[in-house]
Amino acid sequence: MRRDQSSRPGVPTGSLVRGDRRLLAIASAAGCLALYGGWRLFWFLTDDAFIAFRYVSNAHLGYGYVWNAPPFLPVEGYTSFLWTVLLDVVWRITGVEPPDSANWLSLLFACGTLTLSGRLLLRLDWSDRLRPRRAVFLALMFAYLLLNRTFLAWSSSGLETALFNFLVLLWASALLFAPATARRLALAGSAAAALALTRPDGLLYCAVTAAAVF
């Protein structure tokens, strides 16, 4: 007799119950506050971020995403198209220039990563013995992330790192938790496409998603 996959321990289950949603909301709010403190402590803006800033600036001057303005030949040299476009859109809508908006955007995506991590943890198929201790495991995972200097440092930087991390978890969440229908592939495919537009290595996720389709 074929055993249902959801009955196996450790396999993700469906939507969160009300108690878990409340637990995740409280833990995420506290975690994001702590993350803000770590973000300020390790805040930095790396030189490489100004590559994207220059492309965005030239776009605002009417030259498009090019390194040099005319009469020089246009050169495309950025590796994170989605991050460049996002900085451009934020500047056009809010008037906040990339050097001022980039790290705030990174903080938002880092908060999203924290929350998605908690959601992935709570949606596991817990055994009866461990289910009452879900809050303890959630607290331990959040503590591990929030005490990780690498995670805190790259929640700023001005680069697309926090965006890429968030999209990886979004992609994993789509493949693991979405119903086994076309909706799952659409969600995973959209996340994979966004990953490929964020970094060249995001193309690997497109390949895995294509394999999942077949």
N, C-alpha and C. Protein backbone atom coordinates (compact mmCIF):
# COMPACT_ATOMS: atom_id res chain seq x y z
N MET A 1 0.86 -1.20 0.00
CA MET A 1 0.00 0.00 0.00
C MET A 1 0.89 1.24 0.00
N ARG A 2 0.55 2.19 -0.83
CA ARG A 2 1.36 3.41 -0.92
C ARG A 2 1.11 4.30 0.28
N ARG A 3 2.19 4.71 0.90
CA ARG A 3 2.08 5.56 2.10
C ARG A 3 2.06 7.02 1.68
N ASP A 4 1.13 7.76 2.26
CA ASP A 4 1.02 9.18 1.93
C ASP A 4 2.27 9.91 2.40
N GLN A 5 2.82 10.77 1.54
CA GLN A 5 4.08 11.45 1.84
C GLN A 5 3.97 12.33 3.08
N SER A 6 2.80 12.93 3.28
CA SER A 6 2.65 13.86 4.39
C SER A 6 2.66 13.17 5.74
N SER A 7 2.54 11.81 5.73
CA SER A 7 2.55 11.09 7.01
C SER A 7 3.95 10.79 7.50
N ARG A 8 4.95 11.04 6.67
CA ARG A 8 6.32 10.77 7.09
C ARG A 8 6.85 11.89 7.96
N PRO A 9 7.54 11.61 9.07
CA PRO A 9 8.09 12.66 9.91
C PRO A 9 9.07 13.52 9.14
N GLY A 10 9.01 14.81 9.37
CA GLY A 10 9.94 15.73 8.75
C GLY A 10 9.48 16.26 7.41
N VAL A 11 8.44 15.68 6.85
CA VAL A 11 7.94 16.17 5.56
C VAL A 11 7.03 17.36 5.81
N PRO A 12 7.19 18.47 5.05
CA PRO A 12 6.36 19.63 5.26
C PRO A 12 4.88 19.33 5.09
N THR A 13 4.08 20.03 5.84
CA THR A 13 2.63 19.86 5.77
C THR A 13 1.99 21.08 5.15
N GLY A 14 0.69 21.23 5.30
CA GLY A 14 -0.06 22.32 4.66
C GLY A 14 0.08 23.63 5.38
N SER A 15 -1.03 24.43 5.36
CA SER A 15 -0.96 25.76 5.95
C SER A 15 -0.82 25.71 7.45
N LEU A 16 -0.32 26.82 7.97
CA LEU A 16 -0.12 26.92 9.43
C LEU A 16 -1.47 27.03 10.12
N VAL A 17 -1.59 26.38 11.28
CA VAL A 17 -2.79 26.55 12.09
C VAL A 17 -2.72 27.91 12.78
N ARG A 18 -3.86 28.31 13.37
CA ARG A 18 -3.93 29.65 13.96
C ARG A 18 -2.88 29.86 15.04
N GLY A 19 -2.66 28.86 15.90
CA GLY A 19 -1.67 29.00 16.96
C GLY A 19 -0.27 29.21 16.42
N ASP A 20 0.05 28.48 15.36
CA ASP A 20 1.38 28.63 14.76
C ASP A 20 1.53 29.99 14.09
N ARG A 21 0.47 30.48 13.46
CA ARG A 21 0.53 31.80 12.84
C ARG A 21 0.77 32.89 13.88
N ARG A 22 0.11 32.75 15.04
CA ARG A 22 0.31 33.71 16.11
C ARG A 22 1.73 33.63 16.65
N LEU A 23 2.21 32.41 16.83
CA LEU A 23 3.58 32.21 17.32
C LEU A 23 4.59 32.81 16.34
N LEU A 24 4.38 32.58 15.04
CA LEU A 24 5.30 33.11 14.04
C LEU A 24 5.26 34.63 14.01
N ALA A 25 4.08 35.21 14.14
CA ALA A 25 3.95 36.67 14.12
C ALA A 25 4.70 37.30 15.29
N ILE A 26 4.54 36.73 16.48
CA ILE A 26 5.21 37.27 17.67
C ILE A 26 6.73 37.11 17.55
N ALA A 27 7.16 35.90 17.16
CA ALA A 27 8.59 35.63 17.05
C ALA A 27 9.23 36.49 15.96
N SER A 28 8.52 36.67 14.84
CA SER A 28 9.07 37.47 13.74
C SER A 28 9.18 38.94 14.13
N ALA A 29 8.18 39.45 14.85
CA ALA A 29 8.24 40.84 15.28
C ALA A 29 9.42 41.07 16.20
N ALA A 30 9.60 40.17 17.17
CA ALA A 30 10.74 40.30 18.09
C ALA A 30 12.05 40.10 17.35
N GLY A 31 12.07 39.12 16.42
CA GLY A 31 13.29 38.85 15.67
C GLY A 31 13.69 40.01 14.77
N CYS A 32 12.71 40.65 14.15
CA CYS A 32 13.03 41.78 13.26
C CYS A 32 13.53 42.98 14.05
N LEU A 33 13.03 43.16 15.24
CA LEU A 33 13.56 44.24 16.10
C LEU A 33 15.01 43.97 16.47
N ALA A 34 15.29 42.71 16.82
CA ALA A 34 16.68 42.35 17.13
C ALA A 34 17.56 42.47 15.88
N LEU A 35 17.01 42.10 14.74
CA LEU A 35 17.76 42.20 13.49
C LEU A 35 18.09 43.65 13.17
N TYR A 36 17.19 44.55 13.47
CA TYR A 36 17.45 45.97 13.24
C TYR A 36 18.66 46.44 14.05
N GLY A 37 18.74 45.96 15.29
CA GLY A 37 19.89 46.32 16.12
C GLY A 37 21.19 45.78 15.53
N GLY A 38 21.16 44.52 15.07
CA GLY A 38 22.35 43.95 14.45
C GLY A 38 22.69 44.62 13.13
N TRP A 39 21.66 44.99 12.39
CA TRP A 39 21.86 45.70 11.11
C TRP A 39 22.58 47.02 11.33
N ARG A 40 22.19 47.74 12.36
CA ARG A 40 22.84 49.01 12.66
C ARG A 40 24.27 48.80 13.16
N LEU A 41 24.47 47.73 13.93
CA LEU A 41 25.80 47.46 14.48
C LEU A 41 26.80 47.10 13.38
N PHE A 42 26.35 46.30 12.40
CA PHE A 42 27.25 45.83 11.34
C PHE A 42 27.06 46.58 10.03
N TRP A 43 26.37 47.69 10.05
CA TRP A 43 26.04 48.44 8.83
C TRP A 43 27.31 48.79 8.06
N PHE A 44 27.28 48.53 6.76
CA PHE A 44 28.36 48.99 5.90
C PHE A 44 27.84 49.09 4.47
N LEU A 45 28.52 49.88 3.67
CA LEU A 45 28.17 50.08 2.27
C LEU A 45 29.43 49.80 1.46
N THR A 46 29.47 48.67 0.80
CA THR A 46 30.67 48.26 0.10
C THR A 46 30.87 49.05 -1.20
N ASP A 47 32.13 49.15 -1.61
CA ASP A 47 32.44 49.90 -2.84
C ASP A 47 31.72 49.33 -4.05
N ASP A 48 31.60 48.00 -4.11
CA ASP A 48 30.99 47.36 -5.28
C ASP A 48 29.54 47.80 -5.49
N ALA A 49 28.88 48.21 -4.42
CA ALA A 49 27.49 48.63 -4.56
C ALA A 49 27.35 49.85 -5.46
N PHE A 50 28.40 50.66 -5.52
CA PHE A 50 28.33 51.88 -6.32
C PHE A 50 28.37 51.61 -7.82
N ILE A 51 28.67 50.37 -8.20
CA ILE A 51 28.56 50.00 -9.62
C ILE A 51 27.09 50.10 -10.04
N ALA A 52 26.22 49.44 -9.28
CA ALA A 52 24.79 49.51 -9.59
C ALA A 52 24.27 50.94 -9.45
N PHE A 53 24.78 51.66 -8.44
CA PHE A 53 24.33 53.04 -8.24
C PHE A 53 24.62 53.89 -9.47
N ARG A 54 25.77 53.66 -10.09
CA ARG A 54 26.13 54.46 -11.27
C ARG A 54 25.20 54.16 -12.44
N TYR A 55 24.86 52.90 -12.64
CA TYR A 55 23.93 52.55 -13.72
C TYR A 55 22.57 53.20 -13.49
N VAL A 56 22.11 53.16 -12.25
CA VAL A 56 20.82 53.78 -11.93
C VAL A 56 20.88 55.29 -12.16
N SER A 57 21.98 55.90 -11.76
CA SER A 57 22.13 57.34 -11.96
C SER A 57 22.09 57.71 -13.44
N ASN A 58 22.78 56.95 -14.28
CA ASN A 58 22.76 57.22 -15.71
C ASN A 58 21.37 57.01 -16.31
N ALA A 59 20.64 56.04 -15.77
CA ALA A 59 19.26 55.85 -16.23
C ALA A 59 18.41 57.07 -15.91
N HIS A 60 18.64 57.66 -14.74
CA HIS A 60 17.88 58.86 -14.38
C HIS A 60 18.25 60.06 -15.25
N LEU A 61 19.44 60.04 -15.78
CA LEU A 61 19.86 61.13 -16.68
C LEU A 61 19.38 60.90 -18.10
N GLY A 62 18.70 59.78 -18.32
CA GLY A 62 18.13 59.53 -19.64
C GLY A 62 18.98 58.69 -20.56
N TYR A 63 20.08 58.09 -20.05
CA TYR A 63 20.98 57.32 -20.90
C TYR A 63 20.72 55.81 -20.82
N GLY A 64 19.82 55.39 -19.95
CA GLY A 64 19.60 53.97 -19.77
C GLY A 64 20.62 53.36 -18.83
N TYR A 65 20.57 52.04 -18.68
CA TYR A 65 21.50 51.34 -17.78
C TYR A 65 22.84 51.14 -18.48
N VAL A 66 23.62 52.21 -18.53
CA VAL A 66 24.95 52.16 -19.16
C VAL A 66 25.98 52.71 -18.17
N TRP A 67 27.24 52.29 -18.37
CA TRP A 67 28.30 52.75 -17.49
C TRP A 67 28.74 54.17 -17.85
N ASN A 68 28.88 54.43 -19.14
CA ASN A 68 29.34 55.73 -19.61
C ASN A 68 28.24 56.45 -20.38
N ALA A 69 28.18 57.75 -20.18
CA ALA A 69 27.23 58.56 -20.95
C ALA A 69 27.82 58.86 -22.33
N PRO A 70 26.99 59.18 -23.32
CA PRO A 70 27.52 59.57 -24.63
C PRO A 70 28.50 60.74 -24.47
N PRO A 71 29.51 60.85 -25.32
CA PRO A 71 29.67 60.15 -26.61
C PRO A 71 30.34 58.79 -26.51
N PHE A 72 30.57 58.28 -25.33
CA PHE A 72 31.21 56.97 -25.19
C PHE A 72 30.21 55.87 -25.51
N LEU A 73 30.72 54.73 -25.95
CA LEU A 73 29.86 53.60 -26.28
C LEU A 73 29.20 53.07 -25.00
N PRO A 74 27.94 52.66 -25.08
CA PRO A 74 27.26 52.10 -23.90
C PRO A 74 27.87 50.77 -23.51
N VAL A 75 28.06 50.57 -22.23
CA VAL A 75 28.62 49.32 -21.70
C VAL A 75 27.70 48.81 -20.60
N GLU A 76 27.32 47.53 -20.73
CA GLU A 76 26.51 46.90 -19.69
C GLU A 76 27.43 46.03 -18.86
N GLY A 77 27.60 46.36 -17.59
CA GLY A 77 28.55 45.64 -16.76
C GLY A 77 28.02 45.21 -15.42
N TYR A 78 26.74 45.40 -15.16
CA TYR A 78 26.19 44.97 -13.87
C TYR A 78 25.85 43.48 -13.95
N THR A 79 25.81 42.82 -12.81
CA THR A 79 25.46 41.39 -12.75
C THR A 79 24.16 41.15 -12.01
N SER A 80 23.51 42.22 -11.57
CA SER A 80 22.27 42.07 -10.81
C SER A 80 21.21 43.01 -11.39
N PHE A 81 20.59 42.58 -12.46
CA PHE A 81 19.61 43.42 -13.14
C PHE A 81 18.43 43.75 -12.23
N LEU A 82 17.90 42.73 -11.54
CA LEU A 82 16.71 42.96 -10.71
C LEU A 82 17.00 43.97 -9.59
N TRP A 83 18.16 43.86 -8.95
CA TRP A 83 18.52 44.79 -7.88
C TRP A 83 18.68 46.20 -8.43
N THR A 84 19.29 46.32 -9.61
CA THR A 84 19.45 47.64 -10.25
C THR A 84 18.10 48.27 -10.55
N VAL A 85 17.19 47.48 -11.09
CA VAL A 85 15.85 47.99 -11.41
C VAL A 85 15.11 48.37 -10.14
N LEU A 86 15.23 47.56 -9.10
CA LEU A 86 14.55 47.86 -7.83
C LEU A 86 15.03 49.18 -7.25
N LEU A 87 16.34 49.40 -7.26
CA LEU A 87 16.88 50.68 -6.76
C LEU A 87 16.37 51.84 -7.60
N ASP A 88 16.29 51.63 -8.91
CA ASP A 88 15.80 52.65 -9.82
C ASP A 88 14.34 52.99 -9.53
N VAL A 89 13.51 51.96 -9.38
CA VAL A 89 12.08 52.17 -9.12
C VAL A 89 11.87 52.90 -7.80
N VAL A 90 12.61 52.49 -6.77
CA VAL A 90 12.48 53.14 -5.46
C VAL A 90 12.86 54.62 -5.57
N TRP A 91 13.91 54.92 -6.30
CA TRP A 91 14.33 56.32 -6.48
C TRP A 91 13.25 57.12 -7.20
N ARG A 92 12.67 56.54 -8.24
CA ARG A 92 11.66 57.27 -9.02
C ARG A 92 10.38 57.49 -8.22
N ILE A 93 10.02 56.53 -7.38
CA ILE A 93 8.76 56.63 -6.63
C ILE A 93 8.91 57.49 -5.38
N THR A 94 10.00 57.29 -4.65
CA THR A 94 10.15 57.95 -3.35
C THR A 94 11.10 59.14 -3.37
N GLY A 95 11.96 59.21 -4.39
CA GLY A 95 12.95 60.28 -4.41
C GLY A 95 14.18 59.97 -3.58
N VAL A 96 14.23 58.76 -2.99
CA VAL A 96 15.38 58.37 -2.17
C VAL A 96 16.43 57.73 -3.07
N GLU A 97 17.63 58.27 -3.07
CA GLU A 97 18.69 57.79 -3.97
C GLU A 97 19.25 56.45 -3.47
N PRO A 98 19.82 55.65 -4.39
CA PRO A 98 20.31 54.30 -4.03
C PRO A 98 21.24 54.23 -2.83
N PRO A 99 22.22 55.14 -2.66
CA PRO A 99 23.07 55.01 -1.47
C PRO A 99 22.30 55.09 -0.16
N ASP A 100 21.14 55.75 -0.19
CA ASP A 100 20.33 55.87 1.03
C ASP A 100 19.27 54.77 1.14
N SER A 101 18.82 54.23 0.02
CA SER A 101 17.73 53.25 0.07
C SER A 101 18.22 51.81 0.09
N ALA A 102 19.42 51.55 -0.44
CA ALA A 102 19.87 50.17 -0.65
C ALA A 102 19.88 49.35 0.64
N ASN A 103 20.43 49.89 1.70
CA ASN A 103 20.54 49.11 2.93
C ASN A 103 19.20 48.94 3.63
N TRP A 104 18.30 49.88 3.45
CA TRP A 104 16.95 49.71 4.01
C TRP A 104 16.21 48.59 3.27
N LEU A 105 16.39 48.53 1.96
CA LEU A 105 15.79 47.44 1.20
C LEU A 105 16.39 46.10 1.63
N SER A 106 17.71 46.07 1.83
CA SER A 106 18.36 44.84 2.29
C SER A 106 17.82 44.41 3.65
N LEU A 107 17.58 45.37 4.53
CA LEU A 107 17.01 45.04 5.84
C LEU A 107 15.63 44.42 5.71
N LEU A 108 14.81 44.95 4.81
CA LEU A 108 13.47 44.39 4.59
C LEU A 108 13.55 42.95 4.10
N PHE A 109 14.45 42.70 3.16
CA PHE A 109 14.59 41.34 2.65
C PHE A 109 15.17 40.40 3.71
N ALA A 110 16.06 40.90 4.55
CA ALA A 110 16.60 40.09 5.65
C ALA A 110 15.50 39.73 6.64
N CYS A 111 14.60 40.68 6.91
CA CYS A 111 13.44 40.39 7.77
C CYS A 111 12.55 39.33 7.12
N GLY A 112 12.38 39.43 5.80
CA GLY A 112 11.60 38.42 5.09
C GLY A 112 12.24 37.05 5.17
N THR A 113 13.57 37.00 5.11
CA THR A 113 14.29 35.74 5.24
C THR A 113 14.08 35.14 6.62
N LEU A 114 14.12 35.98 7.63
CA LEU A 114 13.91 35.52 9.01
C LEU A 114 12.51 34.93 9.16
N THR A 115 11.51 35.63 8.65
CA THR A 115 10.14 35.17 8.78
C THR A 115 9.89 33.90 7.97
N LEU A 116 10.42 33.85 6.75
CA LEU A 116 10.25 32.64 5.93
C LEU A 116 10.93 31.43 6.57
N SER A 117 12.09 31.65 7.20
CA SER A 117 12.77 30.56 7.89
C SER A 117 11.90 29.99 9.00
N GLY A 118 11.27 30.89 9.76
CA GLY A 118 10.37 30.44 10.80
C GLY A 118 9.17 29.71 10.25
N ARG A 119 8.64 30.18 9.15
CA ARG A 119 7.49 29.54 8.53
C ARG A 119 7.84 28.13 8.04
N LEU A 120 9.02 28.00 7.43
CA LEU A 120 9.45 26.68 6.97
C LEU A 120 9.58 25.71 8.15
N LEU A 121 10.13 26.20 9.25
CA LEU A 121 10.32 25.35 10.43
C LEU A 121 8.97 24.87 10.98
N LEU A 122 8.01 25.81 11.12
CA LEU A 122 6.74 25.46 11.73
C LEU A 122 5.89 24.56 10.84
N ARG A 123 6.15 24.57 9.55
CA ARG A 123 5.34 23.75 8.65
C ARG A 123 5.87 22.33 8.47
N LEU A 124 6.93 22.00 9.19
CA LEU A 124 7.37 20.61 9.19
C LEU A 124 6.34 19.72 9.88
N ASP A 125 6.37 18.45 9.55
CA ASP A 125 5.45 17.50 10.18
C ASP A 125 6.06 17.04 11.50
N TRP A 126 5.72 17.73 12.56
CA TRP A 126 6.33 17.46 13.87
C TRP A 126 5.77 16.17 14.47
N SER A 127 6.62 15.44 15.15
CA SER A 127 6.17 14.26 15.89
C SER A 127 5.39 14.71 17.13
N ASP A 128 4.61 13.82 17.67
CA ASP A 128 3.81 14.16 18.85
C ASP A 128 4.70 14.56 20.03
N ARG A 129 5.89 13.98 20.11
CA ARG A 129 6.79 14.29 21.23
C ARG A 129 7.38 15.69 21.11
N LEU A 130 7.67 16.12 19.88
CA LEU A 130 8.33 17.41 19.69
C LEU A 130 7.36 18.57 19.42
N ARG A 131 6.14 18.24 19.03
CA ARG A 131 5.20 19.32 18.67
C ARG A 131 5.03 20.36 19.77
N PRO A 132 4.92 19.99 21.05
CA PRO A 132 4.75 21.03 22.08
C PRO A 132 5.97 21.93 22.24
N ARG A 133 7.11 21.53 21.65
CA ARG A 133 8.35 22.30 21.82
C ARG A 133 8.68 23.12 20.56
N ARG A 134 7.70 23.33 19.70
CA ARG A 134 7.95 24.07 18.47
C ARG A 134 8.48 25.48 18.76
N ALA A 135 7.94 26.12 19.78
CA ALA A 135 8.38 27.48 20.12
C ALA A 135 9.84 27.50 20.53
N VAL A 136 10.30 26.44 21.20
CA VAL A 136 11.70 26.37 21.62
C VAL A 136 12.61 26.26 20.40
N PHE A 137 12.23 25.40 19.45
CA PHE A 137 13.04 25.24 18.24
C PHE A 137 13.03 26.52 17.40
N LEU A 138 11.89 27.19 17.37
CA LEU A 138 11.81 28.45 16.63
C LEU A 138 12.72 29.50 17.25
N ALA A 139 12.70 29.58 18.58
CA ALA A 139 13.57 30.54 19.28
C ALA A 139 15.04 30.21 19.05
N LEU A 140 15.40 28.93 19.06
CA LEU A 140 16.79 28.54 18.84
C LEU A 140 17.24 28.90 17.41
N MET A 141 16.36 28.69 16.44
CA MET A 141 16.73 29.01 15.07
C MET A 141 16.91 30.52 14.88
N PHE A 142 15.98 31.29 15.44
CA PHE A 142 16.10 32.75 15.35
C PHE A 142 17.35 33.24 16.06
N ALA A 143 17.65 32.65 17.22
CA ALA A 143 18.85 33.05 17.96
C ALA A 143 20.10 32.74 17.14
N TYR A 144 20.11 31.59 16.47
CA TYR A 144 21.26 31.23 15.65
C TYR A 144 21.47 32.25 14.53
N LEU A 145 20.39 32.62 13.85
CA LEU A 145 20.50 33.59 12.76
C LEU A 145 20.91 34.97 13.27
N LEU A 146 20.30 35.39 14.37
CA LEU A 146 20.54 36.74 14.88
C LEU A 146 21.87 36.89 15.59
N LEU A 147 22.51 35.77 15.92
CA LEU A 147 23.86 35.82 16.50
C LEU A 147 24.94 35.51 15.46
N ASN A 148 24.50 35.30 14.23
CA ASN A 148 25.43 35.00 13.15
C ASN A 148 25.92 36.30 12.54
N ARG A 149 27.18 36.60 12.71
CA ARG A 149 27.72 37.89 12.26
C ARG A 149 27.65 38.03 10.74
N THR A 150 27.78 36.92 10.03
CA THR A 150 27.70 36.99 8.57
C THR A 150 26.31 37.39 8.13
N PHE A 151 25.29 36.79 8.73
CA PHE A 151 23.91 37.13 8.39
C PHE A 151 23.63 38.59 8.70
N LEU A 152 24.09 39.06 9.84
CA LEU A 152 23.85 40.45 10.23
C LEU A 152 24.59 41.42 9.31
N ALA A 153 25.84 41.10 8.98
CA ALA A 153 26.62 42.00 8.13
C ALA A 153 26.01 42.13 6.75
N TRP A 154 25.54 41.00 6.18
CA TRP A 154 25.01 41.05 4.82
C TRP A 154 23.53 41.39 4.77
N SER A 155 22.99 41.81 5.91
CA SER A 155 21.66 42.43 5.88
C SER A 155 21.78 43.90 5.50
N SER A 156 23.02 44.35 5.27
CA SER A 156 23.27 45.68 4.69
C SER A 156 24.19 45.46 3.50
N SER A 157 25.18 46.27 3.28
CA SER A 157 26.21 46.16 2.23
C SER A 157 25.89 46.95 0.97
N GLY A 158 24.61 47.16 0.67
CA GLY A 158 24.25 47.85 -0.57
C GLY A 158 24.17 46.93 -1.76
N LEU A 159 24.55 45.65 -1.58
CA LEU A 159 24.48 44.66 -2.66
C LEU A 159 23.17 43.87 -2.59
N GLU A 160 23.03 42.95 -3.54
CA GLU A 160 21.78 42.21 -3.70
C GLU A 160 21.73 40.96 -2.83
N THR A 161 22.69 40.77 -1.92
CA THR A 161 22.81 39.53 -1.16
C THR A 161 21.54 39.19 -0.39
N ALA A 162 20.97 40.14 0.34
CA ALA A 162 19.77 39.87 1.13
C ALA A 162 18.59 39.52 0.23
N LEU A 163 18.48 40.18 -0.91
CA LEU A 163 17.42 39.86 -1.86
C LEU A 163 17.56 38.43 -2.36
N PHE A 164 18.78 38.03 -2.71
CA PHE A 164 19.02 36.68 -3.22
C PHE A 164 18.67 35.63 -2.18
N ASN A 165 19.10 35.85 -0.93
CA ASN A 165 18.79 34.90 0.14
C ASN A 165 17.28 34.75 0.33
N PHE A 166 16.57 35.85 0.29
CA PHE A 166 15.11 35.82 0.46
C PHE A 166 14.47 35.02 -0.67
N LEU A 167 14.91 35.24 -1.90
CA LEU A 167 14.33 34.55 -3.05
C LEU A 167 14.62 33.05 -3.02
N VAL A 168 15.80 32.67 -2.51
CA VAL A 168 16.12 31.24 -2.39
C VAL A 168 15.11 30.56 -1.46
N LEU A 169 14.84 31.18 -0.32
CA LEU A 169 13.87 30.59 0.62
C LEU A 169 12.46 30.60 0.03
N LEU A 170 12.12 31.65 -0.71
CA LEU A 170 10.81 31.71 -1.35
C LEU A 170 10.66 30.58 -2.36
N TRP A 171 11.71 30.33 -3.12
CA TRP A 171 11.71 29.25 -4.10
C TRP A 171 11.55 27.89 -3.40
N ALA A 172 12.31 27.69 -2.33
CA ALA A 172 12.22 26.43 -1.59
C ALA A 172 10.83 26.24 -0.99
N SER A 173 10.27 27.32 -0.48
CA SER A 173 8.94 27.26 0.11
C SER A 173 7.90 26.88 -0.92
N ALA A 174 8.05 27.42 -2.14
CA ALA A 174 7.09 27.10 -3.20
C ALA A 174 7.16 25.62 -3.57
N LEU A 175 8.36 25.07 -3.69
CA LEU A 175 8.49 23.66 -4.08
C LEU A 175 8.06 22.72 -2.96
N LEU A 176 8.28 23.12 -1.71
CA LEU A 176 8.00 22.22 -0.60
C LEU A 176 6.56 22.28 -0.12
N PHE A 177 5.96 23.47 -0.15
CA PHE A 177 4.69 23.66 0.54
C PHE A 177 3.50 23.95 -0.35
N ALA A 178 3.73 24.45 -1.56
CA ALA A 178 2.59 24.73 -2.43
C ALA A 178 1.94 23.41 -2.85
N PRO A 179 0.63 23.41 -3.10
CA PRO A 179 -0.02 22.17 -3.56
C PRO A 179 0.64 21.64 -4.83
N ALA A 180 0.64 20.32 -4.98
CA ALA A 180 1.30 19.69 -6.13
C ALA A 180 0.49 19.89 -7.40
N THR A 181 0.41 21.12 -7.84
CA THR A 181 -0.35 21.47 -9.03
C THR A 181 0.48 22.44 -9.86
N ALA A 182 -0.15 22.96 -10.91
CA ALA A 182 0.53 23.96 -11.74
C ALA A 182 0.88 25.19 -10.91
N ARG A 183 0.12 25.46 -9.84
CA ARG A 183 0.39 26.63 -9.01
C ARG A 183 1.77 26.53 -8.37
N ARG A 184 2.15 25.32 -7.94
CA ARG A 184 3.48 25.13 -7.34
C ARG A 184 4.57 25.48 -8.35
N LEU A 185 4.43 24.98 -9.57
CA LEU A 185 5.45 25.24 -10.58
C LEU A 185 5.47 26.71 -10.98
N ALA A 186 4.30 27.36 -10.98
CA ALA A 186 4.26 28.78 -11.32
C ALA A 186 4.97 29.61 -10.26
N LEU A 187 4.74 29.28 -8.98
CA LEU A 187 5.40 30.00 -7.89
C LEU A 187 6.90 29.76 -7.90
N ALA A 188 7.28 28.49 -8.05
CA ALA A 188 8.71 28.16 -8.07
C ALA A 188 9.38 28.75 -9.30
N GLY A 189 8.70 28.71 -10.44
CA GLY A 189 9.26 29.28 -11.66
C GLY A 189 9.46 30.78 -11.57
N SER A 190 8.49 31.47 -10.95
CA SER A 190 8.62 32.92 -10.78
C SER A 190 9.79 33.26 -9.86
N ALA A 191 9.91 32.50 -8.76
CA ALA A 191 11.04 32.74 -7.84
C ALA A 191 12.36 32.43 -8.52
N ALA A 192 12.41 31.35 -9.32
CA ALA A 192 13.65 30.99 -10.02
C ALA A 192 14.02 32.05 -11.04
N ALA A 193 13.02 32.58 -11.75
CA ALA A 193 13.29 33.65 -12.72
C ALA A 193 13.84 34.88 -12.02
N ALA A 194 13.25 35.22 -10.87
CA ALA A 194 13.75 36.38 -10.12
C ALA A 194 15.17 36.13 -9.63
N LEU A 195 15.48 34.89 -9.24
CA LEU A 195 16.84 34.57 -8.81
C LEU A 195 17.83 34.73 -9.96
N ALA A 196 17.44 34.29 -11.16
CA ALA A 196 18.33 34.42 -12.31
C ALA A 196 18.56 35.88 -12.68
N LEU A 197 17.55 36.72 -12.46
CA LEU A 197 17.70 38.14 -12.74
C LEU A 197 18.49 38.86 -11.65
N THR A 198 18.58 38.23 -10.48
CA THR A 198 19.32 38.83 -9.36
C THR A 198 20.80 38.52 -9.44
N ARG A 199 21.13 37.26 -9.78
CA ARG A 199 22.54 36.85 -9.91
C ARG A 199 22.64 35.79 -10.99
N PRO A 200 23.77 35.70 -11.68
CA PRO A 200 23.92 34.66 -12.70
C PRO A 200 23.75 33.24 -12.15
N ASP A 201 24.20 33.00 -10.88
CA ASP A 201 24.06 31.66 -10.32
C ASP A 201 22.60 31.30 -10.04
N GLY A 202 21.69 32.28 -10.15
CA GLY A 202 20.28 31.97 -10.04
C GLY A 202 19.77 31.08 -11.16
N LEU A 203 20.54 30.98 -12.25
CA LEU A 203 20.16 30.10 -13.35
C LEU A 203 20.12 28.63 -12.91
N LEU A 204 20.88 28.29 -11.87
CA LEU A 204 20.85 26.92 -11.35
C LEU A 204 19.46 26.57 -10.84
N TYR A 205 18.78 27.53 -10.23
CA TYR A 205 17.43 27.29 -9.71
C TYR A 205 16.44 27.14 -10.86
N CYS A 206 16.69 27.84 -11.95
CA CYS A 206 15.84 27.66 -13.14
C CYS A 206 15.98 26.23 -13.66
N ALA A 207 17.21 25.72 -13.66
CA ALA A 207 17.45 24.35 -14.14
C ALA A 207 16.75 23.32 -13.25
N VAL A 208 16.83 23.51 -11.93
CA VAL A 208 16.18 22.57 -11.01
C VAL A 208 14.67 22.65 -11.16
N THR A 209 14.14 23.85 -11.34
CA THR A 209 12.69 24.01 -11.53
C THR A 209 12.25 23.33 -12.83
N ALA A 210 13.04 23.49 -13.88
CA ALA A 210 12.72 22.81 -15.15
C ALA A 210 12.72 21.31 -14.97
N ALA A 211 13.67 20.79 -14.19
CA ALA A 211 13.69 19.34 -13.91
C ALA A 211 12.44 18.91 -13.15
N ALA A 212 11.98 19.77 -12.24
CA ALA A 212 10.77 19.46 -11.47
C ALA A 212 9.54 19.40 -12.37
N VAL A 213 9.52 20.21 -13.40
CA VAL A 213 8.40 20.21 -14.34
C VAL A 213 8.28 18.85 -15.02
N PHE A 214 9.42 18.26 -15.36
CA PHE A 214 9.43 16.98 -16.07
C PHE A 214 9.35 15.79 -15.13
